[in-house]
Amino acid sequence: MIAGPGLLRPLAWLAAALLLAGCEVGPHFARPAPPAVTGYTPEPLAARTASAPVEGGEAQRFVQGLDIPGQWWALFHSPALNALVAQAIAANPTLPAAQAALRQAWENVYAEEGSLFPTVIAGFSPSRNKTATGALSPASASGNPYYSLYAGQLNVSYAPDVFGGTRRQIESLAAQAQVLRFQLEATYLTLTSNVVAAAVQEASLRGQIAATEAIVETDGQALAIFDRQFQLGQIAGADVAAQQAALAQAQALLPPLQKQLAIERDLLTALLGRFPNQQPAQKFDLASLQLPRDLPVSLPSALVDQRPDVRAAEAQLHSASAEIGVAIANRLPQFTLTAGAGSASNLISQFVTGPGTAFWTIGGNAAQTLFDAGTLLHKQRAAEAGFEQAAAQYRSTVIAAFQNVADSLRALQADADTLKAAAAAQEAAAASLEITRRQLELGAVNYLALLTAQSTYQLALMSVVQAQASRYADTAALFQALGGGWWNRADDRSAGAKAGAGFPWSF
């Protein structure tokens, strides 16, 4: 007969006792403490940035401890931008790839958790046979050389996790799954940030193209003045040629900008998961974006919880810690319990109930490595070195995270000052150009004065557009540096991939 409860119950009780009595060798992981710093800059952070009397020149206020919304890009108040980010989240292939990697990691955790339980294998082997009567006696009781044999067996094997090596391996795999979970969050943050950055860059390029077109128009008007003065004999032909060259130089600035705009549109299209000939209908200029007035500045102690890359580095450190326990457990005795029971009969009708057909066996095994030329010892030392490496990489990631935030805060302040100065320079250059043009019409100045005024105005106009775009880009970079608010998102990209079955070693 097949193994019954009388055989399996003692084995189950023994396995449970060994499991409960087992310990977990190796270090118990503890999360690193947040850095003992109180700010991101040596000096106190200013309460607000400078302002400028131009579009996108509003002052921005730094708010300590302000939380970040999960859809932070909505703070730019651009329906077109919101729509493109939603399309990128839905169609960009990097997110499904990261989600699949996370699901794969958790399935590997669940598979390893199965090692904590016995393995039960059932088999049934029917056969038809003939005895070579010239050499052997018939195998059947009737003396008939032809006979059938039906054999069934149930095998149970179990390796109790006495020293916690399996549980440490599960812990390591679960930590690796957490690495992929936070890499998924980083992928989400990078994708949304790239869409916003591409939209801002497109707006900047459209602004630069519009400014260049205005410069071309201004140079063309000046050339018309030169032509009239040349016809009246007031200036020489060389003056006209110089202005023609200035106009040609301004016109030469347009094709590179238009090329950059086309490339940026291709990038934006690719971020949406589309091919280059499937560009979105939405177009961006600086007027379509609104600069957020209140900017969050997370507490330094909270940054390590908010940054996906820091959380991934922490999970990698956790995995390396658990691997030390795996290596230590592998150096200790290994235990195995096995049991088998079954039935064999020449008649299928007597397979289960026939007398003398049942058999069973139960046994155990204990093994300890006595000599391996230091292999297991060096594997433990390698695991310990891996933990030290992960600890150093974690610290490096934390330092880089704080640097990113500090750089973003510096850029926000500096670019606000730059826009203020550029706006003042543009206003002064525009007034100077207008005065110089009127003086030229009256013959009070020569063409060199006009060329100088035109060049100054052109530089000032382009500087304003670039400084405007930089403020939007700096704002997006700050949201990204602070973690992007993934903890406030309703659409958890890692839903369904979590620690399994409520085991005490899951985290």
Protein backbone atom coordinates (compact mmCIF):
# COMPACT_ATOMS: atom_id res chain seq x y z
CA MET A 1 0.00 0.00 0.00
CA ILE A 2 0.97 3.66 -0.36
CA ALA A 3 2.41 5.40 2.73
CA GLY A 4 -0.26 6.28 5.24
CA PRO A 5 -0.55 8.75 8.08
CA GLY A 6 1.15 6.39 10.51
CA LEU A 7 4.44 6.78 8.63
CA LEU A 8 4.24 10.43 7.59
CA ARG A 9 3.10 11.90 10.92
CA PRO A 10 6.34 11.15 12.84
CA LEU A 11 8.40 12.53 9.96
CA ALA A 12 6.30 15.69 9.87
CA TRP A 13 6.65 16.22 13.62
CA LEU A 14 10.39 15.67 13.42
CA ALA A 15 10.72 18.12 10.55
CA ALA A 16 8.69 20.75 12.38
CA ALA A 17 10.80 20.33 15.51
CA LEU A 18 14.04 20.74 13.58
CA LEU A 19 12.71 23.79 11.78
CA LEU A 20 11.60 25.50 14.98
CA ALA A 21 14.80 24.63 16.77
CA GLY A 22 16.95 25.83 13.90
CA CYS A 23 18.90 29.06 14.22
CA GLU A 24 20.02 31.52 11.58
CA VAL A 25 23.77 31.93 11.50
CA GLY A 26 25.36 35.06 10.16
CA PRO A 27 24.69 38.75 10.83
CA HIS A 28 21.16 40.07 11.28
CA PHE A 29 20.70 43.02 8.92
CA ALA A 30 19.93 46.47 10.31
CA ARG A 31 19.15 49.45 8.09
CA PRO A 32 21.94 52.02 7.98
CA ALA A 33 21.22 55.17 9.96
CA PRO A 34 20.49 58.35 7.96
CA PRO A 35 23.46 60.72 7.57
CA ALA A 36 23.89 63.04 10.53
CA VAL A 37 23.55 66.22 8.49
CA THR A 38 21.00 69.01 8.77
CA GLY A 39 21.12 70.60 5.32
CA TYR A 40 22.32 70.37 1.75
CA THR A 41 24.48 73.51 1.61
CA PRO A 42 27.13 74.92 3.98
CA GLU A 43 25.15 78.15 4.40
CA PRO A 44 21.43 78.38 5.21
CA LEU A 45 19.22 77.98 2.17
CA ALA A 46 17.61 81.21 0.96
CA ALA A 47 13.87 81.43 1.49
CA ARG A 48 13.16 82.16 -2.17
CA THR A 49 14.83 82.71 -5.52
CA ALA A 50 15.19 85.99 -7.37
CA SER A 51 12.41 87.13 -9.71
CA ALA A 52 12.45 88.75 -13.14
CA PRO A 53 9.77 90.75 -15.02
CA VAL A 54 9.49 88.19 -17.82
CA GLU A 55 7.56 85.01 -18.49
CA GLY A 56 8.85 82.26 -16.20
CA GLY A 57 10.54 84.82 -14.00
CA GLU A 58 8.40 84.31 -10.90
CA ALA A 59 10.16 83.88 -7.57
CA GLN A 60 10.09 80.34 -6.23
CA ARG A 61 9.81 79.60 -2.51
CA PHE A 62 11.74 76.77 -0.83
CA VAL A 63 9.51 74.92 1.65
CA GLN A 64 11.29 72.65 4.13
CA GLY A 65 9.61 69.26 4.57
CA LEU A 66 6.98 69.84 1.84
CA ASP A 67 5.86 66.48 0.46
CA ILE A 68 6.11 65.68 -3.24
CA PRO A 69 2.98 64.63 -5.15
CA GLY A 70 3.12 61.35 -7.02
CA GLN A 71 2.36 63.20 -10.27
CA TRP A 72 4.70 66.11 -9.70
CA TRP A 73 4.73 67.12 -13.37
CA ALA A 74 1.11 68.28 -12.96
CA LEU A 75 2.51 71.27 -11.02
CA PHE A 76 3.55 72.76 -14.38
CA HIS A 77 -0.20 73.11 -15.16
CA SER A 78 0.16 71.87 -18.73
CA PRO A 79 -2.61 69.51 -19.94
CA ALA A 80 -0.44 68.63 -22.95
CA LEU A 81 2.45 67.62 -20.69
CA ASN A 82 0.15 65.58 -18.45
CA ALA A 83 -1.19 63.74 -21.50
CA LEU A 84 2.28 62.92 -22.83
CA VAL A 85 3.52 61.62 -19.48
CA ALA A 86 0.44 59.39 -19.24
CA GLN A 87 1.10 58.05 -22.75
CA ALA A 88 4.74 57.35 -21.90
CA ILE A 89 3.76 55.45 -18.75
CA ALA A 90 1.26 53.38 -20.75
CA ALA A 91 3.40 52.62 -23.80
CA ASN A 92 7.12 52.93 -23.07
CA PRO A 93 8.61 49.40 -23.02
CA THR A 94 11.09 50.04 -20.21
CA LEU A 95 8.37 49.86 -17.54
CA PRO A 96 6.94 46.45 -18.56
CA ALA A 97 10.49 45.11 -18.77
CA ALA A 98 11.25 46.29 -15.23
CA GLN A 99 7.95 44.91 -13.96
CA ALA A 100 8.65 41.52 -15.53
CA ALA A 101 12.11 41.44 -13.94
CA LEU A 102 10.51 42.14 -10.56
CA ARG A 103 7.94 39.37 -10.99
CA GLN A 104 10.72 36.98 -11.98
CA ALA A 105 12.68 37.89 -8.86
CA TRP A 106 9.73 37.21 -6.55
CA GLU A 107 8.97 33.90 -8.26
CA ASN A 108 12.56 32.89 -7.50
CA VAL A 109 11.95 33.83 -3.86
CA TYR A 110 8.81 31.69 -3.75
CA ALA A 111 10.68 28.81 -5.39
CA GLU A 112 13.42 28.98 -2.76
CA GLU A 113 10.83 29.10 0.04
CA GLY A 114 9.70 25.67 -1.14
CA SER A 115 13.05 24.31 0.06
CA LEU A 116 11.85 24.72 3.65
CA PHE A 117 9.26 21.98 3.17
CA PRO A 118 9.50 18.27 2.39
CA THR A 119 9.49 17.07 -1.20
CA VAL A 120 6.98 14.32 -1.91
CA ILE A 121 7.21 12.26 -5.10
CA ALA A 122 4.71 9.57 -6.09
CA GLY A 123 5.43 6.91 -8.70
CA PHE A 124 3.61 3.98 -10.29
CA SER A 125 5.34 1.39 -12.51
CA PRO A 126 3.24 -1.31 -14.22
CA SER A 127 5.06 -3.89 -16.38
CA ARG A 128 4.45 -7.15 -18.29
CA ASN A 129 7.29 -9.69 -18.08
CA LYS A 130 8.41 -13.18 -19.18
CA THR A 131 10.86 -15.31 -17.21
CA ALA A 132 13.60 -17.14 -19.11
CA THR A 133 12.61 -20.59 -17.84
CA GLY A 134 15.74 -22.19 -19.29
CA ALA A 135 17.85 -20.22 -16.83
CA LEU A 136 15.53 -19.09 -14.05
CA SER A 137 12.51 -20.36 -12.20
CA PRO A 138 9.25 -18.56 -13.03
CA ALA A 139 8.81 -15.42 -10.97
CA SER A 140 5.08 -15.95 -10.49
CA ALA A 141 3.62 -18.19 -7.77
CA SER A 142 1.62 -20.12 -10.40
CA GLY A 143 4.76 -21.15 -12.28
CA ASN A 144 3.63 -19.27 -15.39
CA PRO A 145 6.62 -17.62 -17.07
CA TYR A 146 4.39 -14.75 -18.09
CA TYR A 147 3.50 -12.37 -15.29
CA SER A 148 2.56 -8.75 -14.54
CA LEU A 149 4.07 -6.55 -11.85
CA TYR A 150 2.48 -3.43 -10.42
CA ALA A 151 4.66 -1.25 -8.16
CA GLY A 152 3.74 2.05 -6.54
CA GLN A 153 5.85 4.12 -4.19
CA LEU A 154 5.69 7.41 -2.29
CA ASN A 155 9.06 9.02 -1.51
CA VAL A 156 9.52 11.87 0.96
CA SER A 157 12.76 13.78 1.39
CA TYR A 158 13.47 16.71 3.64
CA ALA A 159 16.57 18.76 4.43
CA PRO A 160 15.85 20.57 7.72
CA ASP A 161 17.20 24.10 7.83
CA VAL A 162 18.96 23.58 11.14
CA PHE A 163 21.41 26.50 10.83
CA GLY A 164 19.25 28.82 8.72
CA GLY A 165 21.23 28.59 5.49
CA THR A 166 18.07 28.21 3.41
CA ARG A 167 16.33 31.01 5.23
CA ARG A 168 19.34 33.25 4.67
CA GLN A 169 19.24 32.35 0.98
CA ILE A 170 15.55 33.31 0.88
CA GLU A 171 16.40 36.54 2.67
CA SER A 172 19.07 37.29 0.08
CA LEU A 173 16.72 36.60 -2.83
CA ALA A 174 13.98 38.71 -1.26
CA ALA A 175 16.46 41.57 -0.88
CA GLN A 176 17.42 41.17 -4.54
CA ALA A 177 13.72 41.44 -5.38
CA GLN A 178 13.64 44.67 -3.39
CA VAL A 179 16.58 45.90 -5.47
CA LEU A 180 14.52 45.32 -8.60
CA ARG A 181 11.45 46.88 -6.97
CA PHE A 182 13.33 50.14 -6.41
CA GLN A 183 14.97 49.90 -9.82
CA LEU A 184 11.43 49.81 -11.18
CA GLU A 185 10.64 52.99 -9.25
CA ALA A 186 13.83 54.53 -10.62
CA THR A 187 12.80 53.53 -14.15
CA TYR A 188 9.42 55.18 -13.63
CA LEU A 189 11.05 58.34 -12.27
CA THR A 190 13.63 58.47 -15.06
CA LEU A 191 10.97 58.01 -17.74
CA THR A 192 8.66 60.73 -16.43
CA SER A 193 11.58 63.09 -15.81
CA ASN A 194 12.89 62.53 -19.33
CA VAL A 195 9.48 63.34 -20.82
CA VAL A 196 9.33 66.58 -18.84
CA ALA A 197 12.94 67.44 -19.75
CA ALA A 198 12.24 66.77 -23.44
CA ALA A 199 9.14 68.98 -23.35
CA VAL A 200 11.10 71.79 -21.67
CA GLN A 201 13.92 71.45 -24.18
CA GLU A 202 11.42 71.58 -27.04
CA ALA A 203 9.92 74.75 -25.55
CA SER A 204 13.41 76.22 -25.22
CA LEU A 205 14.30 75.45 -28.82
CA ARG A 206 11.02 76.92 -30.07
CA GLY A 207 11.79 80.01 -28.02
CA GLN A 208 15.30 80.23 -29.45
CA ILE A 209 13.94 79.80 -32.98
CA ALA A 210 11.39 82.56 -32.38
CA ALA A 211 14.12 84.81 -30.97
CA THR A 212 16.37 84.10 -33.95
CA GLU A 213 13.53 84.84 -36.35
CA ALA A 214 13.01 88.15 -34.52
CA ILE A 215 16.72 88.89 -34.88
CA VAL A 216 16.55 88.09 -38.60
CA GLU A 217 13.62 90.46 -38.94
CA THR A 218 15.50 93.19 -37.06
CA ASP A 219 18.59 92.71 -39.23
CA GLY A 220 16.41 92.82 -42.32
CA GLN A 221 14.92 96.13 -41.23
CA ALA A 222 18.40 97.51 -40.66
CA LEU A 223 19.45 96.31 -44.11
CA ALA A 224 16.50 98.19 -45.62
CA ILE A 225 17.71 101.36 -43.91
CA PHE A 226 21.22 100.79 -45.25
CA ASP A 227 19.84 100.29 -48.76
CA ARG A 228 17.99 103.61 -48.64
CA GLN A 229 21.04 105.42 -47.33
CA PHE A 230 23.19 103.85 -50.02
CA GLN A 231 20.73 104.98 -52.70
CA LEU A 232 20.97 108.50 -51.29
CA GLY A 233 24.75 108.31 -51.29
CA GLN A 234 25.01 108.64 -47.52
CA ILE A 235 26.99 105.42 -46.96
CA ALA A 236 29.35 103.30 -48.96
CA GLY A 237 28.60 99.92 -50.49
CA ALA A 238 30.88 98.28 -47.93
CA ASP A 239 28.46 99.32 -45.17
CA VAL A 240 25.59 97.60 -46.99
CA ALA A 241 27.70 94.48 -47.51
CA ALA A 242 28.54 94.37 -43.80
CA GLN A 243 24.87 94.47 -42.88
CA GLN A 244 24.10 91.81 -45.46
CA ALA A 245 26.73 89.62 -43.82
CA ALA A 246 25.17 90.24 -40.38
CA LEU A 247 21.76 89.21 -41.73
CA ALA A 248 23.21 86.08 -43.33
CA GLN A 249 24.89 85.12 -40.05
CA ALA A 250 21.59 85.45 -38.18
CA GLN A 251 19.82 83.37 -40.82
CA ALA A 252 22.52 80.70 -40.50
CA LEU A 253 21.54 80.18 -36.86
CA LEU A 254 18.11 78.85 -37.80
CA PRO A 255 18.93 75.48 -39.48
CA PRO A 256 20.93 74.11 -36.48
CA LEU A 257 18.14 75.08 -34.11
CA GLN A 258 15.54 73.49 -36.37
CA LYS A 259 17.65 70.35 -36.54
CA GLN A 260 17.88 70.21 -32.74
CA LEU A 261 14.11 70.67 -32.52
CA ALA A 262 13.52 67.77 -34.93
CA ILE A 263 15.87 65.54 -32.90
CA GLU A 264 14.14 66.54 -29.67
CA ARG A 265 10.76 65.67 -31.21
CA ASP A 266 12.16 62.26 -32.19
CA LEU A 267 13.34 61.73 -28.60
CA LEU A 268 9.95 62.68 -27.20
CA THR A 269 8.26 60.32 -29.65
CA ALA A 270 10.55 57.45 -28.62
CA LEU A 271 9.81 58.10 -24.94
CA LEU A 272 6.13 57.61 -25.77
CA GLY A 273 6.95 54.16 -27.16
CA ARG A 274 6.30 55.23 -30.75
CA PHE A 275 8.22 55.26 -34.03
CA PRO A 276 9.60 58.55 -35.44
CA ASN A 277 6.78 58.93 -37.98
CA GLN A 278 4.19 58.77 -35.16
CA GLN A 279 4.98 62.06 -33.47
CA PRO A 280 2.46 63.39 -30.93
CA ALA A 281 0.21 66.27 -31.81
CA GLN A 282 1.17 68.21 -28.67
CA LYS A 283 3.77 70.95 -29.09
CA PHE A 284 5.42 72.96 -26.35
CA ASP A 285 6.57 76.52 -25.88
CA LEU A 286 7.53 78.32 -22.71
CA ALA A 287 4.16 80.06 -22.53
CA SER A 288 2.42 76.67 -22.21
CA LEU A 289 4.25 75.87 -18.97
CA GLN A 290 3.75 77.43 -15.55
CA LEU A 291 6.61 77.59 -13.09
CA PRO A 292 5.71 75.99 -9.72
CA ARG A 293 5.89 78.63 -6.99
CA ASP A 294 6.50 76.32 -3.97
CA LEU A 295 9.44 73.93 -4.15
CA PRO A 296 9.84 71.03 -1.69
CA VAL A 297 13.07 70.59 0.21
CA SER A 298 12.95 67.20 1.90
CA LEU A 299 14.60 66.76 5.26
CA PRO A 300 18.03 65.16 4.85
CA SER A 301 16.98 62.29 7.11
CA ALA A 302 14.04 61.56 4.78
CA LEU A 303 16.03 61.64 1.55
CA VAL A 304 17.47 58.14 2.05
CA ASP A 305 13.91 56.80 2.22
CA GLN A 306 12.74 58.73 -0.84
CA ARG A 307 15.51 58.08 -3.36
CA PRO A 308 14.94 54.82 -5.30
CA ASP A 309 18.65 54.42 -5.99
CA VAL A 310 19.49 54.68 -2.28
CA ARG A 311 16.77 52.17 -1.39
CA ALA A 312 18.09 49.81 -4.07
CA ALA A 313 21.63 50.14 -2.69
CA GLU A 314 20.28 49.41 0.80
CA ALA A 315 18.52 46.28 -0.46
CA GLN A 316 21.75 45.20 -2.17
CA LEU A 317 23.52 45.63 1.18
CA HIS A 318 20.84 43.49 2.84
CA SER A 319 21.32 40.75 0.24
CA ALA A 320 25.09 40.80 0.79
CA SER A 321 24.55 40.50 4.54
CA ALA A 322 22.34 37.44 4.10
CA GLU A 323 24.92 35.81 1.80
CA ILE A 324 27.36 35.76 4.72
CA GLY A 325 24.87 33.62 6.63
CA VAL A 326 24.52 31.30 3.64
CA ALA A 327 28.29 30.86 3.47
CA ILE A 328 28.58 30.16 7.22
CA ALA A 329 25.72 27.63 7.14
CA ASN A 330 27.39 25.78 4.26
CA ARG A 331 30.39 25.10 6.55
CA LEU A 332 28.22 23.43 9.19
CA PRO A 333 26.74 19.90 9.18
CA GLN A 334 24.03 19.19 6.63
CA PHE A 335 21.09 16.96 7.53
CA THR A 336 18.70 15.02 5.31
CA LEU A 337 15.65 12.91 6.19
CA THR A 338 14.16 10.43 3.73
CA ALA A 339 11.22 8.05 3.79
CA GLY A 340 9.61 5.77 1.25
CA ALA A 341 6.61 3.50 1.26
CA GLY A 342 4.73 1.57 -1.37
CA SER A 343 3.24 -1.64 -2.62
CA ALA A 344 4.15 -4.24 -5.26
CA SER A 345 1.91 -6.99 -6.59
CA ASN A 346 1.47 -9.29 -9.60
CA LEU A 347 -2.26 -8.57 -9.57
CA ILE A 348 -3.76 -5.12 -9.82
CA SER A 349 -6.66 -6.29 -7.63
CA GLN A 350 -4.21 -7.04 -4.80
CA PHE A 351 -2.08 -3.95 -5.34
CA VAL A 352 -3.49 -2.07 -2.34
CA THR A 353 -4.97 -4.75 -0.06
CA GLY A 354 -3.01 -7.88 -0.89
CA PRO A 355 -1.03 -9.55 1.91
CA GLY A 356 2.73 -9.13 1.83
CA THR A 357 2.70 -6.43 -0.85
CA ALA A 358 3.59 -3.37 1.27
CA PHE A 359 7.10 -2.09 1.90
CA TRP A 360 8.59 1.01 3.50
CA THR A 361 11.85 2.59 4.54
CA ILE A 362 12.87 5.58 6.63
CA GLY A 363 16.33 7.00 7.17
CA GLY A 364 18.44 10.02 7.77
CA ASN A 365 21.81 11.40 6.84
CA ALA A 366 24.23 13.85 8.41
CA ALA A 367 27.26 15.13 6.52
CA GLN A 368 30.09 17.43 7.51
CA THR A 369 32.84 18.60 5.19
CA LEU A 370 36.18 17.68 6.76
CA PHE A 371 38.56 18.84 4.06
CA ASP A 372 37.97 20.99 0.98
CA ALA A 373 41.29 22.85 0.78
CA GLY A 374 39.66 25.96 2.27
CA THR A 375 36.95 26.30 -0.39
CA LEU A 376 34.06 27.00 1.99
CA LEU A 377 36.19 29.25 4.18
CA HIS A 378 37.19 31.40 1.24
CA LYS A 379 33.59 31.54 0.05
CA GLN A 380 32.65 32.95 3.45
CA ARG A 381 35.46 35.49 3.24
CA ALA A 382 34.30 36.40 -0.27
CA ALA A 383 30.77 36.98 1.06
CA GLU A 384 32.15 39.21 3.81
CA ALA A 385 34.15 41.19 1.25
CA GLY A 386 30.99 41.48 -0.86
CA PHE A 387 29.19 42.99 2.13
CA GLU A 388 32.00 45.53 2.61
CA GLN A 389 31.77 46.42 -1.08
CA ALA A 390 27.99 46.85 -0.87
CA ALA A 391 28.39 49.05 2.23
CA ALA A 392 30.86 51.30 0.42
CA GLN A 393 28.60 51.47 -2.64
CA TYR A 394 25.65 52.37 -0.42
CA ARG A 395 27.57 55.25 1.13
CA SER A 396 28.66 56.41 -2.33
CA THR A 397 25.04 56.34 -3.52
CA VAL A 398 23.89 58.37 -0.51
CA ILE A 399 26.60 60.98 -1.08
CA ALA A 400 25.65 61.24 -4.77
CA ALA A 401 21.99 61.66 -3.80
CA PHE A 402 22.78 64.57 -1.50
CA GLN A 403 25.01 66.05 -4.19
CA ASN A 404 22.14 65.86 -6.72
CA VAL A 405 19.84 67.77 -4.38
CA ALA A 406 22.49 70.35 -3.57
CA ASP A 407 23.29 70.86 -7.26
CA SER A 408 19.60 71.32 -8.07
CA LEU A 409 19.17 73.89 -5.31
CA ARG A 410 22.26 75.78 -6.48
CA ALA A 411 21.03 75.72 -10.07
CA LEU A 412 17.59 77.04 -9.10
CA GLN A 413 19.11 79.99 -7.29
CA ALA A 414 21.81 80.73 -9.85
CA ASP A 415 19.55 80.43 -12.89
CA ALA A 416 16.95 82.68 -11.28
CA ASP A 417 19.69 85.28 -10.81
CA THR A 418 20.83 84.68 -14.40
CA LEU A 419 17.32 85.25 -15.76
CA LYS A 420 16.97 88.45 -13.75
CA ALA A 421 20.27 89.76 -15.15
CA ALA A 422 19.48 88.56 -18.67
CA ALA A 423 16.08 90.24 -18.61
CA ALA A 424 17.64 93.53 -17.54
CA ALA A 425 20.32 93.15 -20.21
CA GLN A 426 17.71 92.45 -22.87
CA GLU A 427 15.69 95.51 -21.89
CA ALA A 428 18.77 97.71 -22.02
CA ALA A 429 19.99 96.17 -25.29
CA ALA A 430 16.58 96.63 -26.93
CA ALA A 431 16.50 100.30 -25.90
CA SER A 432 20.08 100.80 -27.13
CA LEU A 433 19.28 99.14 -30.47
CA GLU A 434 16.21 101.33 -30.99
CA ILE A 435 18.16 104.49 -30.20
CA THR A 436 21.05 103.47 -32.45
CA ARG A 437 18.67 102.65 -35.32
CA ARG A 438 17.03 106.08 -35.08
CA GLN A 439 20.39 107.78 -34.93
CA LEU A 440 21.47 105.83 -38.01
CA GLU A 441 18.40 107.03 -39.91
CA LEU A 442 19.42 110.58 -39.02
CA GLY A 443 23.03 109.94 -39.98
CA ALA A 444 24.26 110.58 -36.44
CA VAL A 445 26.11 107.22 -36.17
CA ASN A 446 27.76 104.85 -38.61
CA TYR A 447 26.90 101.27 -39.41
CA LEU A 448 29.48 99.90 -36.93
CA ALA A 449 27.44 101.29 -34.04
CA LEU A 450 24.33 99.55 -35.35
CA LEU A 451 26.15 96.23 -35.80
CA THR A 452 27.41 96.43 -32.22
CA ALA A 453 23.93 97.21 -30.90
CA GLN A 454 22.41 94.39 -32.95
CA SER A 455 24.95 91.86 -31.71
CA THR A 456 24.40 92.90 -28.08
CA TYR A 457 20.62 92.59 -28.47
CA GLN A 458 20.88 89.19 -30.16
CA LEU A 459 23.00 87.77 -27.35
CA ALA A 460 20.71 89.23 -24.69
CA LEU A 461 17.57 87.86 -26.34
CA MET A 462 18.97 84.33 -26.63
CA SER A 463 20.26 84.48 -23.04
CA VAL A 464 16.76 85.29 -21.77
CA VAL A 465 15.19 82.36 -23.60
CA GLN A 466 17.86 79.93 -22.40
CA ALA A 467 17.62 81.20 -18.82
CA GLN A 468 13.82 80.85 -18.88
CA ALA A 469 14.08 77.23 -20.01
CA SER A 470 16.77 76.51 -17.42
CA ARG A 471 14.40 77.45 -14.59
CA TYR A 472 11.81 74.91 -15.76
CA ALA A 473 14.50 72.27 -16.24
CA ASP A 474 16.00 73.01 -12.80
CA THR A 475 12.58 72.59 -11.19
CA ALA A 476 12.08 69.19 -12.81
CA ALA A 477 15.61 68.18 -11.79
CA LEU A 478 14.85 69.03 -8.15
CA PHE A 479 11.73 66.85 -8.13
CA GLN A 480 13.76 64.03 -9.63
CA ALA A 481 16.64 64.50 -7.16
CA LEU A 482 14.19 64.30 -4.24
CA GLY A 483 12.78 60.97 -5.42
CA GLY A 484 9.79 62.04 -7.49
CA GLY A 485 7.09 61.26 -4.92
CA TRP A 486 6.75 57.58 -5.87
CA TRP A 487 5.50 56.86 -2.33
CA ASN A 488 2.41 59.01 -3.04
CA ARG A 489 1.43 57.34 -6.32
CA ALA A 490 -1.88 55.51 -6.49
CA ASP A 491 -0.70 53.31 -9.38
CA ASP A 492 1.90 51.20 -7.59
CA ARG A 493 3.99 49.72 -10.39
CA SER A 494 5.14 46.88 -8.10
CA ALA A 495 1.62 45.80 -7.08
CA GLY A 496 1.26 42.04 -6.91
CA ALA A 497 4.96 41.47 -6.39
CA LYS A 498 5.52 41.33 -2.67
CA ALA A 499 6.95 38.99 -0.07
CA GLY A 500 5.19 35.67 -0.10
CA ALA A 501 2.80 33.80 2.14
CA GLY A 502 3.48 35.74 5.33
CA PHE A 503 6.56 33.75 6.31
CA PRO A 504 8.42 35.22 9.29
CA TRP A 505 11.60 35.64 7.26
CA SER A 506 9.89 37.76 4.62
CA PHE A 507 10.23 41.50 4.97
